[in-house]
Amino acid sequence: MQLFGEFERPGPLPFEPGLTVYAAIQKGGGLRDIARRDKLRILRCGQVVGPFLAPDTPGAHGDLPLMPGDVLDSPFESL
């Protein structure tokens, strides 16, 4: 599991069964202010899931389950 992009602490994240997008964001210290919260995506086995809105609570729409090897990508706000 990898956090890529505009997380406070991007980088590798140990995978735990039941890990979701919301939990991964929290473990990464949250999203930075410049993150595009509406463009979050999961890179999985060469496929892209998203873009979708970052969930703001556990179980919210977009709080998808993650799998080992996933990359959670949060792009930055471009001007």
Protein backbone atom coordinates (compact mmCIF):
# COMPACT_ATOMS: atom_id res chain seq x y z
CA MET A 1 0.00 0.00 0.00
CA GLN A 2 1.37 3.38 -0.99
CA LEU A 3 0.19 6.96 -0.49
CA PHE A 4 1.21 9.17 -3.39
CA GLY A 5 0.67 12.87 -3.85
CA GLU A 6 -0.68 15.49 -1.52
CA PHE A 7 -0.79 13.67 1.81
CA GLU A 8 0.88 15.12 4.89
CA ARG A 9 2.99 11.93 5.07
CA PRO A 10 3.10 10.30 1.61
CA GLY A 11 4.95 7.04 1.14
CA PRO A 12 4.56 3.39 2.05
CA LEU A 13 1.79 2.40 4.43
CA PRO A 14 1.55 -1.09 5.90
CA PHE A 15 -1.53 -2.86 4.59
CA GLU A 16 -4.00 -4.09 7.20
CA PRO A 17 -7.08 -6.18 6.41
CA GLY A 18 -10.14 -3.91 6.36
CA LEU A 19 -8.13 -0.80 5.44
CA THR A 20 -10.30 1.78 3.66
CA VAL A 21 -9.60 5.03 1.85
CA TYR A 22 -10.67 7.10 4.88
CA ALA A 23 -8.40 5.14 7.25
CA ALA A 24 -5.46 5.39 4.84
CA ILE A 25 -5.91 9.16 4.58
CA GLN A 26 -5.92 9.41 8.38
CA LYS A 27 -2.81 7.22 8.69
CA GLY A 28 -1.11 9.50 6.14
CA GLY A 29 -1.77 12.54 8.33
CA GLY A 30 -4.66 13.77 6.19
CA LEU A 31 -4.69 15.58 2.88
CA ARG A 32 -2.70 18.76 2.37
CA ASP A 33 -4.57 22.00 1.66
CA ILE A 34 -3.51 21.91 -2.00
CA ALA A 35 -4.94 18.41 -2.56
CA ARG A 36 -7.76 17.98 -5.07
CA ARG A 37 -10.24 16.26 -2.74
CA ASP A 38 -12.55 15.60 -5.69
CA LYS A 39 -9.88 13.80 -7.76
CA LEU A 40 -8.72 11.01 -5.44
CA ARG A 41 -8.01 7.74 -7.22
CA ILE A 42 -6.77 4.23 -6.57
CA LEU A 43 -4.21 2.63 -8.86
CA ARG A 44 -4.76 -1.12 -8.71
CA CYS A 45 -3.12 -3.76 -10.91
CA GLY A 46 -2.60 -1.30 -13.77
CA GLN A 47 -6.18 -0.03 -13.55
CA VAL A 48 -7.48 3.29 -12.23
CA VAL A 49 -10.43 3.45 -9.83
CA GLY A 50 -11.79 6.99 -9.75
CA PRO A 51 -11.56 9.84 -9.62
CA PHE A 52 -13.82 10.21 -6.61
CA LEU A 53 -14.38 12.57 -3.69
CA ALA A 54 -12.24 11.88 -0.63
CA PRO A 55 -14.50 10.61 2.17
CA ASP A 56 -14.76 12.89 5.21
CA THR A 57 -16.07 10.21 7.59
CA PRO A 58 -15.67 6.44 7.90
CA GLY A 59 -18.19 4.61 5.73
CA ALA A 60 -19.01 7.72 3.67
CA HIS A 61 -19.45 7.51 -0.08
CA GLY A 62 -15.95 6.99 -1.50
CA ASP A 63 -14.65 5.14 1.56
CA LEU A 64 -13.68 2.17 -0.56
CA PRO A 65 -11.84 -0.89 0.70
CA LEU A 66 -8.18 -1.04 -0.23
CA MET A 67 -6.13 -4.06 -1.28
CA PRO A 68 -2.45 -4.97 -0.87
CA GLY A 69 -0.42 -3.26 -3.58
CA ASP A 70 -2.88 -0.40 -4.09
CA VAL A 71 -1.61 3.14 -4.58
CA LEU A 72 -3.86 5.89 -3.26
CA ASP A 73 -3.17 9.01 -5.32
CA SER A 74 -4.14 12.54 -4.34
CA PRO A 75 -3.24 15.10 -7.04
CA PHE A 76 -2.56 18.76 -6.25
CA GLU A 77 -4.67 21.77 -7.13
CA SER A 78 -3.32 23.28 -10.33
CA LEU A 79 -3.71 26.96 -11.04
